Protein backbone atom coordinates (compact mmCIF):
# COMPACT_ATOMS: atom_id res chain seq x y z
CA UNK A 1 86.15 128.24 72.56
CA UNK A 2 85.65 128.63 76.32
CA UNK A 3 83.12 126.00 78.01
CA UNK A 4 82.95 125.44 81.69
CA UNK A 5 80.49 123.47 83.58
CA UNK A 6 79.26 122.89 86.88
CA UNK A 7 77.91 119.74 88.10
CA UNK A 8 76.59 118.06 91.13
CA UNK A 9 78.30 114.88 92.70
CA UNK A 10 76.29 113.68 95.69
CA UNK A 11 76.48 116.48 97.44
CA UNK A 12 79.47 117.60 96.13
CA UNK A 13 80.93 119.14 93.14
CA UNK A 14 83.37 118.83 90.34
CA UNK A 15 84.30 121.94 87.91
CA UNK A 16 85.19 120.95 84.83
CA UNK A 17 86.97 123.45 82.54
CA UNK A 18 87.40 123.04 78.74
CA UNK A 19 89.65 125.72 76.85
CA UNK A 20 90.79 126.02 73.48
CA UNK A 21 89.21 123.47 71.89
CA UNK A 22 91.05 123.22 68.68
CA UNK A 23 94.19 121.37 68.60
CA UNK A 24 94.68 120.91 72.46
CA UNK A 25 92.80 120.85 75.86
CA UNK A 26 93.37 120.70 79.37
CA UNK A 27 90.85 120.07 82.14
CA UNK A 28 90.87 120.86 85.79
CA UNK A 29 88.47 118.74 88.03
CA UNK A 30 87.89 120.56 91.38
CA UNK A 31 86.05 118.23 94.00
CA UNK A 32 84.24 119.93 97.10
CA UNK A 33 84.45 118.15 100.59
CA UNK A 34 80.67 118.10 101.51
CA UNK A 35 79.39 115.35 103.39
CA UNK A 36 78.11 112.23 101.48
CA UNK A 37 79.53 112.88 98.19
CA UNK A 38 79.67 109.86 95.96
CA UNK A 39 82.59 110.18 93.32
CA UNK A 40 81.57 109.78 89.46
CA UNK A 41 77.77 109.53 89.41
CA UNK A 42 76.81 112.88 88.15
CA UNK A 43 73.73 114.12 86.30
CA UNK A 44 72.55 117.52 85.49
CA UNK A 45 70.46 119.53 82.59
CA UNK A 46 72.55 120.89 79.79
CA UNK A 47 71.73 121.73 76.22
CA UNK A 48 72.87 118.89 73.63
CA UNK A 49 76.59 119.03 73.19
CA UNK A 50 79.33 116.43 73.75
CA UNK A 51 82.62 117.30 75.18
CA UNK A 52 86.16 115.55 74.71
CA UNK A 53 88.85 116.59 76.59
CA UNK A 54 91.96 114.09 76.75
CA UNK A 55 94.23 114.65 79.45
CA UNK A 56 97.91 113.19 78.65
CA UNK A 57 97.21 109.62 79.60
CA UNK A 58 93.63 110.05 80.77
CA UNK A 59 90.45 111.30 79.53
CA UNK A 60 87.44 113.30 80.60
CA UNK A 61 84.28 112.79 78.35
CA UNK A 62 80.88 114.25 78.80
CA UNK A 63 78.29 113.16 76.63
CA UNK A 64 74.83 115.40 77.27
CA UNK A 65 71.36 115.44 75.53
CA UNK A 66 68.45 117.60 76.04
CA UNK A 67 66.42 117.47 79.45
CA UNK A 68 67.95 115.64 82.33
CA UNK A 69 70.80 113.33 81.20
CA UNK A 70 73.38 111.15 82.62
CA UNK A 71 76.81 112.11 82.15
CA UNK A 72 79.58 109.34 81.67
CA UNK A 73 82.81 110.73 82.75
CA UNK A 74 85.86 108.69 81.79
CA UNK A 75 88.56 109.90 84.00
CA UNK A 76 91.28 107.22 82.70
CA UNK A 77 91.71 104.72 79.90
CA UNK A 78 90.84 100.97 80.56
CA UNK A 79 94.08 99.69 79.70
CA UNK A 80 97.23 99.57 81.99
CA UNK A 81 100.29 101.86 81.35
CA UNK A 82 102.93 100.14 78.82
CA UNK A 83 105.53 99.51 81.18
CA UNK A 84 107.35 96.52 82.40
CA UNK A 85 105.28 95.49 85.47
CA UNK A 86 107.75 92.86 86.46
CA UNK A 87 110.55 94.94 86.98
CA UNK A 88 109.16 97.52 89.27
CA UNK A 89 111.17 98.33 92.58
CA UNK A 90 110.65 101.20 94.93
CA UNK A 91 111.59 104.03 92.70
CA UNK A 92 109.80 106.96 91.04
CA UNK A 93 107.76 106.26 87.64
CA UNK A 94 106.17 109.61 86.47
CA UNK A 95 102.36 109.44 86.10
CA UNK A 96 99.62 111.28 84.49
CA UNK A 97 97.97 113.74 86.97
CA UNK A 98 99.01 115.05 90.48
CA UNK A 99 96.36 117.03 93.06
CA UNK A 100 97.29 120.50 94.49
CA UNK A 101 95.62 122.94 97.26
CA UNK A 102 96.41 125.79 98.78
CA UNK A 103 95.72 127.69 102.02
CA UNK A 104 96.92 130.84 103.54
CA UNK A 105 97.92 131.48 107.30
CA UNK A 106 94.45 131.07 109.48
CA UNK A 107 92.63 130.09 106.42
CA UNK A 108 91.21 126.54 105.21
CA UNK A 109 92.35 124.77 102.33
CA UNK A 110 90.80 125.49 98.85
CA UNK A 111 89.04 122.99 96.58
CA UNK A 112 91.88 121.46 94.86
CA UNK A 113 92.60 120.59 91.36
CA UNK A 114 94.08 118.04 89.59
CA UNK A 115 96.70 118.94 87.12
CA UNK A 116 99.46 117.00 85.39
CA UNK A 117 102.17 115.57 86.90
CA UNK A 118 105.40 117.49 86.57
CA UNK A 119 107.44 120.41 88.36
CA UNK A 120 105.99 123.01 90.99
CA UNK A 121 107.42 126.54 91.28
CA UNK A 122 108.45 127.48 94.69
CA UNK A 123 109.83 130.98 96.05
CA UNK A 124 113.59 130.61 96.90
CA UNK A 125 112.48 132.05 100.24
CA UNK A 126 109.38 129.51 100.98
CA UNK A 127 108.90 128.24 104.65
CA UNK A 128 109.77 124.55 103.41
CA UNK A 129 113.02 125.42 101.55
CA UNK A 130 114.69 127.62 104.66
CA UNK A 131 113.22 126.05 107.78
CA UNK A 132 111.81 122.64 106.81
CA UNK A 133 108.51 123.13 107.56
CA UNK A 134 106.88 120.27 105.90
CA UNK A 135 105.43 117.03 106.32
CA UNK A 136 104.46 114.06 103.98
CA UNK A 137 102.61 110.81 104.44
CA UNK A 138 102.60 107.63 102.42
CA UNK A 139 99.88 105.04 101.44
CA UNK A 140 99.24 102.44 99.04
CA UNK A 141 96.48 101.75 96.55
CA UNK A 142 96.20 97.90 95.26
CA UNK A 143 93.97 96.69 91.94
CA UNK A 144 91.67 93.78 92.64
CA UNK A 145 90.85 90.75 90.26
CA UNK A 146 87.60 92.45 89.80
CA UNK A 147 89.26 95.80 88.46
CA UNK A 148 88.25 97.70 91.30
CA UNK A 149 91.13 99.41 93.36
CA UNK A 150 91.45 98.85 97.33
CA UNK A 151 93.05 101.97 99.55
CA UNK A 152 94.14 100.67 103.40
CA UNK A 153 93.13 103.30 106.13
CA UNK A 154 93.34 106.50 104.09
CA UNK A 155 91.60 108.22 107.15
CA UNK A 156 94.47 107.01 109.56
CA UNK A 157 97.05 108.92 107.18
CA UNK A 158 95.00 112.05 107.49
CA UNK A 159 94.97 112.00 111.29
CA UNK A 160 98.19 111.80 111.68
CA UNK A 161 99.13 114.62 109.13
CA UNK A 162 96.35 116.86 111.43
CA UNK A 163 98.31 116.02 114.23
CA UNK A 164 101.91 116.48 112.59
CA UNK A 165 100.54 119.92 111.17
CA UNK A 166 99.86 120.92 114.93
CA UNK A 167 103.46 120.31 115.89
CA UNK A 168 104.88 121.83 112.89
CA UNK A 169 102.58 125.20 113.22
CA UNK A 170 100.93 124.53 109.61
CA UNK A 171 97.09 124.33 108.63
CA UNK A 172 96.36 120.89 107.49
CA UNK A 173 93.18 119.64 105.16
CA UNK A 174 90.63 117.78 107.27
CA UNK A 175 90.21 114.15 107.14
CA UNK A 176 87.33 114.30 104.62
CA UNK A 177 89.74 116.42 102.28
CA UNK A 178 92.64 114.29 102.53
CA UNK A 179 90.91 111.25 101.63
CA UNK A 180 88.69 112.73 99.12
CA UNK A 181 91.74 114.22 97.52
CA UNK A 182 93.71 110.86 97.43
CA UNK A 183 90.62 109.16 96.04
CA UNK A 184 90.41 111.80 93.11
CA UNK A 185 94.13 111.70 92.56
CA UNK A 186 94.13 107.83 92.26
CA UNK A 187 91.55 107.40 90.31
CA UNK A 188 92.87 109.75 87.91
CA UNK A 189 96.17 107.89 87.61
CA UNK A 190 94.05 104.82 87.63
CA UNK A 191 95.91 103.30 84.62
CA UNK A 192 98.91 103.15 86.81
CA UNK A 193 97.76 100.77 89.56
CA UNK A 194 99.96 97.41 89.07
CA UNK A 195 98.17 94.32 87.61
CA UNK A 196 97.40 91.85 90.61
CA UNK A 197 100.43 91.00 92.31
CA UNK A 198 102.72 93.02 90.23
CA UNK A 199 103.06 95.56 93.29
CA UNK A 200 100.83 98.78 94.24
CA UNK A 201 100.38 102.68 93.65
CA UNK A 202 102.48 104.19 95.86
CA UNK A 203 100.68 107.50 97.13
CA UNK A 204 102.50 110.29 98.54
CA UNK A 205 101.03 113.45 99.96
CA UNK A 206 102.85 116.49 100.98
CA UNK A 207 102.09 119.55 102.95
CA UNK A 208 104.63 122.29 102.97
CA UNK A 209 105.12 125.88 103.89
CA UNK A 210 105.24 127.22 100.24
CA UNK A 211 104.74 131.04 100.92
CA UNK A 212 107.95 133.25 101.50
CA UNK A 213 109.37 133.97 104.72
CA UNK A 214 112.58 135.75 105.34
CA UNK A 215 113.03 135.44 109.06
CA UNK A 216 112.13 132.53 111.13
CA UNK A 217 108.42 132.43 111.04
CA UNK A 218 105.52 130.05 109.94
CA UNK A 219 104.93 130.58 106.27
CA UNK A 220 102.27 132.88 105.02
CA UNK A 221 100.78 129.99 102.34
CA UNK A 222 100.55 126.61 102.59
CA UNK A 223 100.49 123.79 99.80
CA UNK A 224 98.91 120.73 100.12
CA UNK A 225 100.02 118.26 96.96
CA UNK A 226 99.64 114.50 96.15
CA UNK A 227 101.56 112.79 93.67
CA UNK A 228 101.42 108.74 93.12
CA UNK A 229 103.95 106.22 91.45
CA UNK A 230 103.65 102.42 90.75
CA UNK A 231 106.24 100.62 93.03
CA UNK A 232 107.57 96.89 93.71
CA UNK A 233 109.55 95.90 96.82
CA UNK A 234 110.89 98.82 99.26
CA UNK A 235 113.89 96.32 99.79
CA UNK A 236 115.18 94.72 96.73
CA UNK A 237 115.33 91.36 98.86
CA UNK A 238 111.49 91.58 98.83
CA UNK A 239 110.01 88.97 101.38
CA UNK A 240 113.40 87.86 102.26
CA UNK A 241 115.45 88.72 105.56
CA UNK A 242 117.05 92.12 105.59
CA UNK A 243 120.56 92.58 107.67
CA UNK A 244 120.45 95.68 110.00
CA UNK A 245 123.04 96.97 112.05
CA UNK A 246 122.46 99.26 115.62
CA UNK A 247 123.66 102.71 115.32
CA UNK A 248 125.49 103.91 118.45
CA UNK A 249 126.86 107.31 117.42
CA UNK A 250 123.94 108.87 115.46
CA UNK A 251 120.07 109.09 116.61
CA UNK A 252 117.35 109.85 114.70
CA UNK A 253 115.37 111.52 117.35
CA UNK A 254 115.21 113.11 121.07
CA UNK A 255 112.51 113.68 123.52
CA UNK A 256 111.12 116.89 122.89
CA UNK A 257 111.63 117.05 119.25
CA UNK A 258 109.60 115.73 116.05
CA UNK A 259 110.48 112.22 115.69
CA UNK A 260 106.83 111.45 116.52
CA UNK A 261 105.41 113.24 113.63
CA UNK A 262 106.44 112.64 109.81
CA UNK A 263 108.13 115.73 109.17
CA UNK A 264 110.69 115.86 106.45
CA UNK A 265 113.53 116.83 108.37
CA UNK A 266 113.29 113.58 110.23
CA UNK A 267 114.38 111.87 107.19
CA UNK A 268 117.45 113.52 106.10
CA UNK A 269 119.24 113.13 109.41
CA UNK A 270 118.97 109.59 108.92
CA UNK A 271 120.75 109.56 105.73
CA UNK A 272 124.41 109.66 106.83
CA UNK A 273 124.25 106.94 109.08
CA UNK A 274 121.91 104.65 106.52
CA UNK A 275 124.84 105.48 103.66
CA UNK A 276 127.54 103.98 105.96
CA UNK A 277 125.90 100.97 106.86
CA UNK A 278 124.80 100.04 103.37
CA UNK A 279 128.23 100.58 102.17
CA UNK A 280 129.48 98.14 104.58
CA UNK A 281 126.49 95.92 102.93
CA UNK A 282 123.67 96.26 105.42
CA UNK A 283 120.24 96.69 104.74
CA UNK A 284 119.45 99.57 107.00
CA UNK A 285 120.12 100.96 110.43
CA UNK A 286 117.95 100.18 113.84
CA UNK A 287 118.37 103.32 116.23
CA UNK A 288 118.74 103.25 119.95
CA UNK A 289 117.30 105.81 122.12
CA UNK A 290 119.50 109.37 122.54
CA UNK A 291 119.08 109.70 126.28
CA UNK A 292 120.48 106.13 127.59
CA UNK A 293 121.85 104.74 124.17
CA UNK A 294 120.36 101.11 125.23
CA UNK A 295 116.63 101.21 124.35
CA UNK A 296 115.41 100.14 120.68
CA UNK A 297 113.69 102.64 118.50
CA UNK A 298 113.12 102.48 114.96
CA UNK A 299 114.78 101.68 111.78
CA UNK A 300 115.40 104.57 109.44
CA UNK A 301 111.86 104.32 107.86
CA UNK A 302 110.31 101.31 110.03
CA UNK A 303 109.21 100.30 113.21
CA UNK A 304 110.67 97.22 114.80
CA UNK A 305 109.13 94.58 116.41
CA UNK A 306 110.37 90.99 118.40
CA UNK A 307 109.17 87.77 118.76
CA UNK A 308 109.49 85.24 121.46
CA UNK A 309 106.84 82.37 121.85
CA UNK A 310 103.43 83.57 122.00
CA UNK A 311 104.30 87.36 122.75
CA UNK A 312 105.24 90.03 120.43
CA UNK A 313 107.34 93.42 121.65
CA UNK A 314 107.38 96.56 120.15
CA UNK A 315 108.81 99.92 121.33
CA UNK A 316 106.16 102.05 123.06
CA UNK A 317 105.29 105.34 121.13
CA UNK A 318 106.15 108.20 123.70
CA UNK A 319 107.32 110.87 121.31
CA UNK A 320 110.58 109.85 119.49
CA UNK A 321 108.91 107.07 117.66
CA UNK A 322 106.63 107.65 114.69
CA UNK A 323 103.03 105.74 115.22
CA UNK A 324 103.22 103.71 112.05
CA UNK A 325 99.77 102.68 110.30
CA UNK A 326 101.21 99.43 109.80
CA UNK A 327 102.46 98.95 113.03
CA UNK A 328 98.87 99.75 114.33
CA UNK A 329 97.47 97.40 111.94
CA UNK A 330 99.81 94.59 112.53
CA UNK A 331 99.05 94.71 116.50
CA UNK A 332 95.50 94.49 116.02
CA UNK A 333 96.16 91.61 113.47
CA UNK A 334 98.72 89.35 115.98
CA UNK A 335 96.24 90.02 118.81
CA UNK A 336 93.46 88.99 116.61
CA UNK A 337 95.79 85.87 116.02
CA UNK A 338 96.08 84.89 119.80
CA UNK A 339 99.83 86.95 120.02
CA UNK A 340 99.98 88.98 123.14
CA UNK A 341 100.93 92.15 121.99
CA UNK A 342 103.46 94.25 124.40
CA UNK A 343 104.23 97.93 123.91
CA UNK A 344 107.25 98.82 125.67
CA UNK A 345 110.74 99.82 126.34
CA UNK A 346 112.92 97.25 124.60
CA UNK A 347 116.69 96.97 125.69
CA UNK A 348 119.11 96.17 122.75
CA UNK A 349 120.15 93.14 125.19
CA UNK A 350 116.80 91.72 124.27
CA UNK A 351 117.83 91.35 120.57
CA UNK A 352 119.85 88.17 121.89
CA UNK A 353 116.85 86.26 123.35
CA UNK A 354 114.27 87.17 120.42
CA UNK A 355 113.28 84.37 118.24
CA UNK A 356 112.30 86.54 115.55
CA UNK A 357 112.48 90.53 114.54
CA UNK A 358 110.74 91.86 111.85
CA UNK A 359 110.02 95.43 110.64
CA UNK A 360 106.67 97.31 109.56
CA UNK A 361 105.92 100.16 107.53
CA UNK A 362 103.79 101.21 104.31
CA UNK A 363 106.52 100.93 101.90
CA UNK A 364 107.89 97.46 103.41
CA UNK A 365 104.64 96.16 105.16
CA UNK A 366 106.22 93.64 106.96
CA UNK A 367 109.88 93.10 106.71
CA UNK A 368 111.81 89.87 108.29
CA UNK A 369 115.32 90.67 109.68
CA UNK A 370 117.55 87.94 109.29
CA UNK A 371 120.08 89.38 111.24
CA UNK A 372 121.55 92.04 113.69
CA UNK A 373 124.78 93.43 114.14
CA UNK A 374 125.72 94.98 117.26
CA UNK A 375 128.87 95.99 118.62
CA UNK A 376 130.18 93.65 115.94
CA UNK A 377 128.18 91.06 117.22
CA UNK A 378 126.00 89.06 114.44
CA UNK A 379 122.68 87.90 115.62
CA UNK A 380 120.66 85.54 113.11
CA UNK A 381 116.99 84.96 113.12
CA UNK A 382 114.57 82.88 110.78
CA UNK A 383 116.59 79.73 110.32
CA UNK A 384 118.01 78.91 107.02
CA UNK A 385 115.77 80.99 104.99
CA UNK A 386 115.65 83.84 107.55
CA UNK A 387 112.01 84.41 107.11
CA UNK A 388 110.69 83.62 110.63
CA UNK A 389 106.84 81.59 110.88
CA UNK A 390 105.20 84.45 112.80
CA UNK A 391 106.96 87.12 110.20
CA UNK A 392 105.44 85.21 107.41
CA UNK A 393 102.27 84.61 109.19
CA UNK A 394 101.40 88.15 109.80
CA UNK A 395 102.61 89.44 106.33
CA UNK A 396 100.33 86.92 104.26
CA UNK A 397 97.57 88.18 106.79
CA UNK A 398 97.75 91.91 106.05
CA UNK A 399 98.77 91.61 102.18
CA UNK A 400 95.62 89.39 101.77
CA UNK A 401 93.43 92.14 103.29
CA UNK A 402 95.19 95.09 101.73
CA UNK A 403 94.44 93.44 98.11
CA UNK A 404 91.14 91.95 99.02
CA UNK A 405 92.21 88.33 98.82
CA UNK A 406 90.53 87.91 102.54
CA UNK A 407 87.02 89.35 103.87
CA UNK A 408 87.63 92.80 105.49
CA UNK A 409 85.80 92.04 108.93
CA UNK A 410 87.58 95.13 110.52
CA UNK A 411 86.51 97.95 108.19
CA UNK A 412 89.80 99.22 106.89
CA UNK A 413 89.81 98.99 103.29
CA UNK A 414 88.24 101.73 100.90
CA UNK A 415 87.05 100.47 97.68
CA UNK A 416 87.36 102.54 94.55
CA UNK A 417 85.31 101.62 91.49
């Protein structure tokens, strides 16, 4: 039995295709990206019929009667996934659905589709596998007490992907396409958003050269993909001090390179130094600039801040440091609380005078630094607990905002109901 229905959704549309309604079914929901579209409130005229299409752990039910009718689309079950929420770490938990859209060189990204989470097919000569033509983003969704879900500044991630794609000679989805695709993917995996206080749903958008190319050149085709996973704390310590070591031999980025965009190669290059540091008992590595080998840049996947009195300092963004969205948010929150925030060159010697040091990133949010080891000398921060007052204050302020526990006067959160 072949059935397909197209219906308007606040200026956009979904296409629901239901195939072979005998023993199994599969549904694909394609969002359009017209302006002012609102999710999950469709209506249209159709004949009397009711179609129910279970999607692995989600469901899509369309009930219709004659004339103009309201359709109710239940895209996920109300109950939570049956996992132990208390034991979440920062590891992959396969969920129900992922989003995929494609684009040819010089074209625009197509209307994407949701499909069951699983392996994807790539040519051995794809641009991403041969030449590293790929970007990724990371953002989170939190569950509120009332059951709604909050995203935090998704348009910032979308904007950063656009900028990174330009640097990597790739087309990118528009900011609106990115944000709407994130919303769709999160709602399709709603049951995997952890209960309040148990973690968050980590959202991983990918942009990659999926087309086949042998010679060094931009790929002829690109794929935009989003998958999600429930996560707990990035560092096993949670909101507890981490211990860093300053790296003198390896560097994360160089001037004129790609350190300022979220390209995949930036992360593989830190694994050697990070693995060596962890083998010695450190949590991660703090990198110096590659030119002078004296100025702080960032940790493997986090920005770094120093605190002294009412002044907070962080390395300036000058092409070798990723412009973190959590970094940007912490700067604004700190200034609103009366701190002076400096973005400038910071020499490694300034670690000796700092009262506190902390890191920021989507995965860690704010992570207090308990110690930094430089040239064999260990510098400790945060007193006996290792968690400084400012670090704790900023962590609480930002996470309360992200989780909807305080009023969002800055307009940073996007609520999904």
